[in-house]
Amino acid sequence: VSECDKQKKPEKGSVTLEEIGKRNTSAGNTADGTQLDAEIAGPENIKRDTKSRKQELKASVQDLASRAASRAMAEAAKSISPPNTAYQFEVSWRALSGDRSLQAHLLKVTSPSALPQIFKNAMSASMLVDIVKCVATFFREDVDLAIKYLENLTKVPRFDMLILFLSPTDKADLLKVWDEVFCNEASAIECAEILDYLRSVYGLKK
């Protein structure tokens, strides 16, 4: 009997070393594939988590900034006192420039009827226009108070002279405020009539 005949064929159902090796290789590939998928998905999850955390942090910072600004505004409003002279009013007004809400607060702590006495002959055209613009910011919430300021501004000495020599730009600004705010948002007939009259006093009659 030859050596080749002596080598027995593997019995049916038995597993050869070669097959075991193939199975191990296949299993290894599957495991490696799962691990690779996890590794690929990992950075994406990390990116999403990082982005989410950044958004939450940004929202938190914005909320803190908003609260701080509100507190600062409240503190600033507390420190505003009624001016007694045109100089005091103008210094405070300029210091609050850029913040209409605080300028409105300064105006509201100043009695409308006190304006002629405060400004006397010291009212400038630019200050007049700026105050009217400020009145427009709270016109809707308190129409009666806004009208009182507009009326008392006309009683300031030299008012007629200021209106007469308004620059085209200042006059255009006043006309815009009247058209877009005062006349547009005055619902009550009596308010509309008063504002129409004041419009002519301010030299804005069409």
C-alpha atoms as a PDB file:
ATOM      1  CA  VAL A   1       0.000   0.000   0.000  1.00  0.00           C
ATOM      2  CA  SER A   2       1.374   3.399  -0.995  1.00  0.00           C
ATOM      3  CA  GLU A   3       1.859   6.269   1.406  1.00  0.00           C
ATOM      4  CA  CYS A   4      -0.961   8.153  -0.314  1.00  0.00           C
ATOM      5  CA  ASP A   5      -3.330   5.276   0.338  1.00  0.00           C
ATOM      6  CA  LYS A   6      -2.344   5.318   4.003  1.00  0.00           C
ATOM      7  CA  GLN A   7      -3.650   8.924   4.381  1.00  0.00           C
ATOM      8  CA  LYS A   8      -7.263   8.640   5.342  1.00  0.00           C
ATOM      9  CA  LYS A   9      -9.808  11.025   3.964  1.00  0.00           C
ATOM     10  CA  PRO A  10     -11.521  13.109   6.636  1.00  0.00           C
ATOM     11  CA  GLU A  11     -14.740  11.607   7.798  1.00  0.00           C
ATOM     12  CA  LYS A  12     -17.973  13.306   6.923  1.00  0.00           C
ATOM     13  CA  GLY A  13     -18.888  15.849   9.557  1.00  0.00           C
ATOM     14  CA  SER A  14     -15.351  16.312  10.823  1.00  0.00           C
ATOM     15  CA  VAL A  15     -13.730  19.717  10.671  1.00  0.00           C
ATOM     16  CA  THR A  16     -10.346  20.225   9.163  1.00  0.00           C
ATOM     17  CA  LEU A  17      -7.781  22.674  10.441  1.00  0.00           C
ATOM     18  CA  GLU A  18      -8.200  24.690   7.265  1.00  0.00           C
ATOM     19  CA  GLU A  19     -11.927  25.114   7.848  1.00  0.00           C
ATOM     20  CA  ILE A  20     -11.341  26.097  11.455  1.00  0.00           C
ATOM     21  CA  GLY A  21      -8.881  28.697  10.257  1.00  0.00           C
ATOM     22  CA  LYS A  22     -11.376  30.054   7.734  1.00  0.00           C
ATOM     23  CA  ARG A  23     -14.087  30.282  10.387  1.00  0.00           C
ATOM     24  CA  ASN A  24     -11.787  32.068  12.785  1.00  0.00           C
ATOM     25  CA  THR A  25     -10.789  34.487  10.035  1.00  0.00           C
ATOM     26  CA  SER A  26     -14.439  35.114   9.170  1.00  0.00           C
ATOM     27  CA  ALA A  27     -15.350  35.653  12.812  1.00  0.00           C
ATOM     28  CA  GLY A  28     -12.410  37.975  13.200  1.00  0.00           C
ATOM     29  CA  ASN A  29     -13.477  39.988  10.186  1.00  0.00           C
ATOM     30  CA  THR A  30     -16.997  40.289  11.571  1.00  0.00           C
ATOM     31  CA  ALA A  31     -15.722  41.420  14.959  1.00  0.00           C
ATOM     32  CA  ASP A  32     -13.312  43.840  13.323  1.00  0.00           C
ATOM     33  CA  GLY A  33     -16.138  45.192  11.185  1.00  0.00           C
ATOM     34  CA  THR A  34     -18.351  45.788  14.210  1.00  0.00           C
ATOM     35  CA  GLN A  35     -15.516  47.499  16.022  1.00  0.00           C
ATOM     36  CA  LEU A  36     -14.749  49.586  12.947  1.00  0.00           C
ATOM     37  CA  ASP A  37     -18.393  50.660  12.662  1.00  0.00           C
ATOM     38  CA  ALA A  38     -18.329  51.662  16.316  1.00  0.00           C
ATOM     39  CA  GLU A  39     -15.123  53.593  15.790  1.00  0.00           C
ATOM     40  CA  ILE A  40     -16.592  55.360  12.760  1.00  0.00           C
ATOM     41  CA  ALA A  41     -19.865  56.171  14.531  1.00  0.00           C
ATOM     42  CA  GLY A  42     -18.063  57.275  17.684  1.00  0.00           C
ATOM     43  CA  PRO A  43     -16.621  60.565  16.375  1.00  0.00           C
ATOM     44  CA  GLU A  44     -20.018  61.508  14.883  1.00  0.00           C
ATOM     45  CA  ASN A  45     -21.718  60.991  18.222  1.00  0.00           C
ATOM     46  CA  ILE A  46     -18.995  62.979  19.933  1.00  0.00           C
ATOM     47  CA  LYS A  47     -19.439  65.798  17.424  1.00  0.00           C
ATOM     48  CA  ARG A  48     -23.184  65.866  17.992  1.00  0.00           C
ATOM     49  CA  ASP A  49     -22.762  65.851  21.770  1.00  0.00           C
ATOM     50  CA  THR A  50     -20.154  68.597  21.581  1.00  0.00           C
ATOM     51  CA  LYS A  51     -22.375  70.720  19.335  1.00  0.00           C
ATOM     52  CA  SER A  52     -25.329  70.211  21.666  1.00  0.00           C
ATOM     53  CA  ARG A  53     -23.250  71.202  24.694  1.00  0.00           C
ATOM     54  CA  LYS A  54     -21.972  74.297  22.885  1.00  0.00           C
ATOM     55  CA  GLN A  55     -25.532  75.343  22.010  1.00  0.00           C
ATOM     56  CA  GLU A  56     -26.659  74.833  25.606  1.00  0.00           C
ATOM     57  CA  LEU A  57     -23.667  76.804  26.881  1.00  0.00           C
ATOM     58  CA  LYS A  58     -24.337  79.612  24.390  1.00  0.00           C
ATOM     59  CA  ALA A  59     -28.000  79.796  25.435  1.00  0.00           C
ATOM     60  CA  SER A  60     -26.959  79.839  29.081  1.00  0.00           C
ATOM     61  CA  VAL A  61     -24.432  82.628  28.500  1.00  0.00           C
ATOM     62  CA  GLN A  62     -27.003  84.665  26.554  1.00  0.00           C
ATOM     63  CA  ASP A  63     -29.538  84.211  29.339  1.00  0.00           C
ATOM     64  CA  LEU A  64     -27.014  85.337  31.954  1.00  0.00           C
ATOM     65  CA  ALA A  65     -26.048  88.331  29.815  1.00  0.00           C
ATOM     66  CA  SER A  66     -29.700  89.282  29.385  1.00  0.00           C
ATOM     67  CA  ARG A  67     -30.321  89.059  33.132  1.00  0.00           C
ATOM     68  CA  ALA A  68     -27.204  91.083  33.862  1.00  0.00           C
ATOM     69  CA  ALA A  69     -28.288  93.745  31.365  1.00  0.00           C
ATOM     70  CA  SER A  70     -31.756  93.897  32.924  1.00  0.00           C
ATOM     71  CA  ARG A  71     -30.273  94.272  36.404  1.00  0.00           C
ATOM     72  CA  ALA A  72     -27.878  96.948  35.172  1.00  0.00           C
ATOM     73  CA  MET A  73     -30.748  98.823  33.524  1.00  0.00           C
ATOM     74  CA  ALA A  74     -32.841  98.591  36.681  1.00  0.00           C
ATOM     75  CA  GLU A  75     -29.951  99.923  38.768  1.00  0.00           C
ATOM     76  CA  ALA A  76     -29.318 102.719  36.263  1.00  0.00           C
ATOM     77  CA  ALA A  77     -33.003 103.659  36.297  1.00  0.00           C
ATOM     78  CA  LYS A  78     -32.932 103.890  40.106  1.00  0.00           C
ATOM     79  CA  SER A  79     -30.091 106.403  39.960  1.00  0.00           C
ATOM     80  CA  ILE A  80     -31.932 108.741  37.563  1.00  0.00           C
ATOM     81  CA  SER A  81     -33.307 111.785  39.346  1.00  0.00           C
ATOM     82  CA  PRO A  82     -35.436 114.655  37.986  1.00  0.00           C
ATOM     83  CA  PRO A  83     -33.270 117.435  36.523  1.00  0.00           C
ATOM     84  CA  ASN A  84     -33.778 121.026  37.624  1.00  0.00           C
ATOM     85  CA  THR A  85     -31.964 122.800  34.815  1.00  0.00           C
ATOM     86  CA  ALA A  86     -31.445 122.401  31.084  1.00  0.00           C
ATOM     87  CA  TYR A  87     -27.786 121.635  31.751  1.00  0.00           C
ATOM     88  CA  GLN A  88     -28.611 118.788  34.150  1.00  0.00           C
ATOM     89  CA  PHE A  89     -31.162 117.390  31.725  1.00  0.00           C
ATOM     90  CA  GLU A  90     -28.797 117.509  28.768  1.00  0.00           C
ATOM     91  CA  VAL A  91     -25.879 115.948  30.687  1.00  0.00           C
ATOM     92  CA  SER A  92     -28.080 113.054  31.811  1.00  0.00           C
ATOM     93  CA  TRP A  93     -29.657 112.757  28.372  1.00  0.00           C
ATOM     94  CA  ARG A  94     -26.311 112.520  26.603  1.00  0.00           C
ATOM     95  CA  ALA A  95     -25.032 110.025  29.175  1.00  0.00           C
ATOM     96  CA  LEU A  96     -27.972 107.768  28.323  1.00  0.00           C
ATOM     97  CA  SER A  97     -27.647 108.169  24.567  1.00  0.00           C
ATOM     98  CA  GLY A  98     -28.040 104.870  22.769  1.00  0.00           C
ATOM     99  CA  ASP A  99     -30.602 103.595  25.273  1.00  0.00           C
ATOM    100  CA  ARG A 100     -34.051 104.971  24.529  1.00  0.00           C
ATOM    101  CA  SER A 101     -35.643 103.111  27.438  1.00  0.00           C
ATOM    102  CA  LEU A 102     -33.428 104.915  29.959  1.00  0.00           C
ATOM    103  CA  GLN A 103     -33.914 108.235  28.185  1.00  0.00           C
ATOM    104  CA  ALA A 104     -37.661 107.621  28.374  1.00  0.00           C
ATOM    105  CA  HIS A 105     -37.253 106.964  32.102  1.00  0.00           C
ATOM    106  CA  LEU A 106     -35.417 110.275  32.500  1.00  0.00           C
ATOM    107  CA  LEU A 107     -38.219 112.017  30.646  1.00  0.00           C
ATOM    108  CA  LYS A 108     -40.893 110.322  32.763  1.00  0.00           C
ATOM    109  CA  VAL A 109     -39.286 111.375  36.052  1.00  0.00           C
ATOM    110  CA  THR A 110     -39.421 114.915  34.667  1.00  0.00           C
ATOM    111  CA  SER A 111     -42.896 116.386  34.898  1.00  0.00           C
ATOM    112  CA  PRO A 112     -44.240 117.507  31.487  1.00  0.00           C
ATOM    113  CA  SER A 113     -45.320 120.838  32.965  1.00  0.00           C
ATOM    114  CA  ALA A 114     -41.757 121.416  34.241  1.00  0.00           C
ATOM    115  CA  LEU A 115     -40.205 121.391  30.758  1.00  0.00           C
ATOM    116  CA  PRO A 116     -40.724 125.124  29.998  1.00  0.00           C
ATOM    117  CA  GLN A 117     -39.201 126.101  33.354  1.00  0.00           C
ATOM    118  CA  ILE A 118     -36.283 123.660  32.999  1.00  0.00           C
ATOM    119  CA  PHE A 119     -35.253 124.623  29.489  1.00  0.00           C
ATOM    120  CA  LYS A 120     -36.212 128.302  29.429  1.00  0.00           C
ATOM    121  CA  ASN A 121     -34.153 129.689  26.532  1.00  0.00           C
ATOM    122  CA  ALA A 122     -31.679 126.797  26.435  1.00  0.00           C
ATOM    123  CA  MET A 123     -33.611 124.343  24.246  1.00  0.00           C
ATOM    124  CA  SER A 124     -31.827 123.402  21.005  1.00  0.00           C
ATOM    125  CA  ALA A 125     -33.446 122.117  17.821  1.00  0.00           C
ATOM    126  CA  SER A 126     -31.600 118.796  18.063  1.00  0.00           C
ATOM    127  CA  MET A 127     -32.736 118.300  21.678  1.00  0.00           C
ATOM    128  CA  LEU A 128     -36.328 119.122  20.739  1.00  0.00           C
ATOM    129  CA  VAL A 129     -36.336 116.565  17.924  1.00  0.00           C
ATOM    130  CA  ASP A 130     -34.640 113.945  20.108  1.00  0.00           C
ATOM    131  CA  ILE A 131     -37.211 114.349  22.879  1.00  0.00           C
ATOM    132  CA  VAL A 132     -40.083 113.999  20.405  1.00  0.00           C
ATOM    133  CA  LYS A 133     -38.495 110.790  19.071  1.00  0.00           C
ATOM    134  CA  CYS A 134     -38.215 109.490  22.628  1.00  0.00           C
ATOM    135  CA  VAL A 135     -41.866 110.316  23.338  1.00  0.00           C
ATOM    136  CA  ALA A 136     -42.752 108.189  20.314  1.00  0.00           C
ATOM    137  CA  THR A 137     -41.219 105.107  21.997  1.00  0.00           C
ATOM    138  CA  PHE A 138     -43.818 105.068  24.791  1.00  0.00           C
ATOM    139  CA  PHE A 139     -46.682 106.723  22.888  1.00  0.00           C
ATOM    140  CA  ARG A 140     -48.637 103.498  22.438  1.00  0.00           C
ATOM    141  CA  GLU A 141     -48.473 102.475  26.114  1.00  0.00           C
ATOM    142  CA  ASP A 142     -49.376 105.916  27.476  1.00  0.00           C
ATOM    143  CA  VAL A 143     -50.965 108.193  24.881  1.00  0.00           C
ATOM    144  CA  ASP A 144     -52.156 110.814  27.374  1.00  0.00           C
ATOM    145  CA  LEU A 145     -48.716 111.243  28.948  1.00  0.00           C
ATOM    146  CA  ALA A 146     -47.058 111.417  25.535  1.00  0.00           C
ATOM    147  CA  ILE A 147     -49.445 114.172  24.422  1.00  0.00           C
ATOM    148  CA  LYS A 148     -48.704 116.150  27.611  1.00  0.00           C
ATOM    149  CA  TYR A 149     -45.004 116.158  26.750  1.00  0.00           C
ATOM    150  CA  LEU A 150     -45.718 117.232  23.172  1.00  0.00           C
ATOM    151  CA  GLU A 151     -47.989 120.036  24.411  1.00  0.00           C
ATOM    152  CA  ASN A 152     -45.555 121.331  27.034  1.00  0.00           C
ATOM    153  CA  LEU A 153     -42.655 121.331  24.608  1.00  0.00           C
ATOM    154  CA  THR A 154     -44.584 123.930  22.596  1.00  0.00           C
ATOM    155  CA  LYS A 155     -44.588 126.159  25.711  1.00  0.00           C
ATOM    156  CA  VAL A 156     -40.793 126.205  25.949  1.00  0.00           C
ATOM    157  CA  PRO A 157     -39.491 129.745  25.217  1.00  0.00           C
ATOM    158  CA  ARG A 158     -38.224 130.169  21.647  1.00  0.00           C
ATOM    159  CA  PHE A 159     -40.180 127.080  20.506  1.00  0.00           C
ATOM    160  CA  ASP A 160     -41.617 128.966  17.520  1.00  0.00           C
ATOM    161  CA  MET A 161     -38.146 130.126  16.547  1.00  0.00           C
ATOM    162  CA  LEU A 162     -36.755 126.592  16.779  1.00  0.00           C
ATOM    163  CA  ILE A 163     -39.530 125.256  14.556  1.00  0.00           C
ATOM    164  CA  LEU A 164     -39.069 128.060  12.057  1.00  0.00           C
ATOM    165  CA  PHE A 165     -35.384 127.272  11.594  1.00  0.00           C
ATOM    166  CA  LEU A 166     -35.516 123.479  11.692  1.00  0.00           C
ATOM    167  CA  SER A 167     -33.166 121.875   9.196  1.00  0.00           C
ATOM    168  CA  PRO A 168     -34.759 119.832   6.381  1.00  0.00           C
ATOM    169  CA  THR A 169     -33.401 116.670   8.063  1.00  0.00           C
ATOM    170  CA  ASP A 170     -34.905 117.498  11.474  1.00  0.00           C
ATOM    171  CA  LYS A 171     -38.218 118.423   9.886  1.00  0.00           C
ATOM    172  CA  ALA A 172     -38.258 115.168   7.907  1.00  0.00           C
ATOM    173  CA  ASP A 173     -37.561 113.214  11.117  1.00  0.00           C
ATOM    174  CA  LEU A 174     -40.455 114.894  12.933  1.00  0.00           C
ATOM    175  CA  LEU A 175     -42.780 114.365   9.985  1.00  0.00           C
ATOM    176  CA  LYS A 176     -41.865 110.674   9.898  1.00  0.00           C
ATOM    177  CA  VAL A 177     -42.584 110.276  13.624  1.00  0.00           C
ATOM    178  CA  TRP A 178     -45.936 112.004  13.246  1.00  0.00           C
ATOM    179  CA  ASP A 179     -46.995 109.933  10.238  1.00  0.00           C
ATOM    180  CA  GLU A 180     -45.723 106.546  11.445  1.00  0.00           C
ATOM    181  CA  VAL A 181     -46.434 106.804  15.172  1.00  0.00           C
ATOM    182  CA  PHE A 182     -48.570 109.653  16.458  1.00  0.00           C
ATOM    183  CA  CYS A 183     -51.212 109.871  13.731  1.00  0.00           C
ATOM    184  CA  ASN A 184     -51.011 106.225  12.747  1.00  0.00           C
ATOM    185  CA  GLU A 185     -51.543 104.794  16.236  1.00  0.00           C
ATOM    186  CA  ALA A 186     -53.935 107.363  17.698  1.00  0.00           C
ATOM    187  CA  SER A 187     -57.207 105.466  17.842  1.00  0.00           C
ATOM    188  CA  ALA A 188     -59.363 107.805  19.939  1.00  0.00           C
ATOM    189  CA  ILE A 189     -60.937 110.631  17.959  1.00  0.00           C
ATOM    190  CA  GLU A 190     -60.120 113.236  20.618  1.00  0.00           C
ATOM    191  CA  CYS A 191     -56.439 112.183  20.592  1.00  0.00           C
ATOM    192  CA  ALA A 192     -56.362 112.337  16.810  1.00  0.00           C
ATOM    193  CA  GLU A 193     -57.747 115.879  16.883  1.00  0.00           C
ATOM    194  CA  ILE A 194     -55.196 117.061  19.452  1.00  0.00           C
ATOM    195  CA  LEU A 195     -52.339 115.460  17.542  1.00  0.00           C
ATOM    196  CA  ASP A 196     -53.534 116.983  14.295  1.00  0.00           C
ATOM    197  CA  TYR A 197     -53.534 120.396  15.973  1.00  0.00           C
ATOM    198  CA  LEU A 198     -50.062 119.815  17.461  1.00  0.00           C
ATOM    199  CA  ARG A 199     -48.848 118.729  14.063  1.00  0.00           C
ATOM    200  CA  SER A 200     -49.633 122.177  12.709  1.00  0.00           C
ATOM    201  CA  VAL A 201     -47.983 123.820  15.751  1.00  0.00           C
ATOM    202  CA  TYR A 202     -44.826 121.827  15.030  1.00  0.00           C
ATOM    203  CA  GLY A 203     -44.932 123.157  11.469  1.00  0.00           C
ATOM    204  CA  LEU A 204     -45.700 119.775   9.932  1.00  0.00           C
ATOM    205  CA  LYS A 205     -49.077 120.487   8.377  1.00  0.00           C
ATOM    206  CA  LYS A 206     -49.308 119.073   4.870  1.00  0.00           C
END
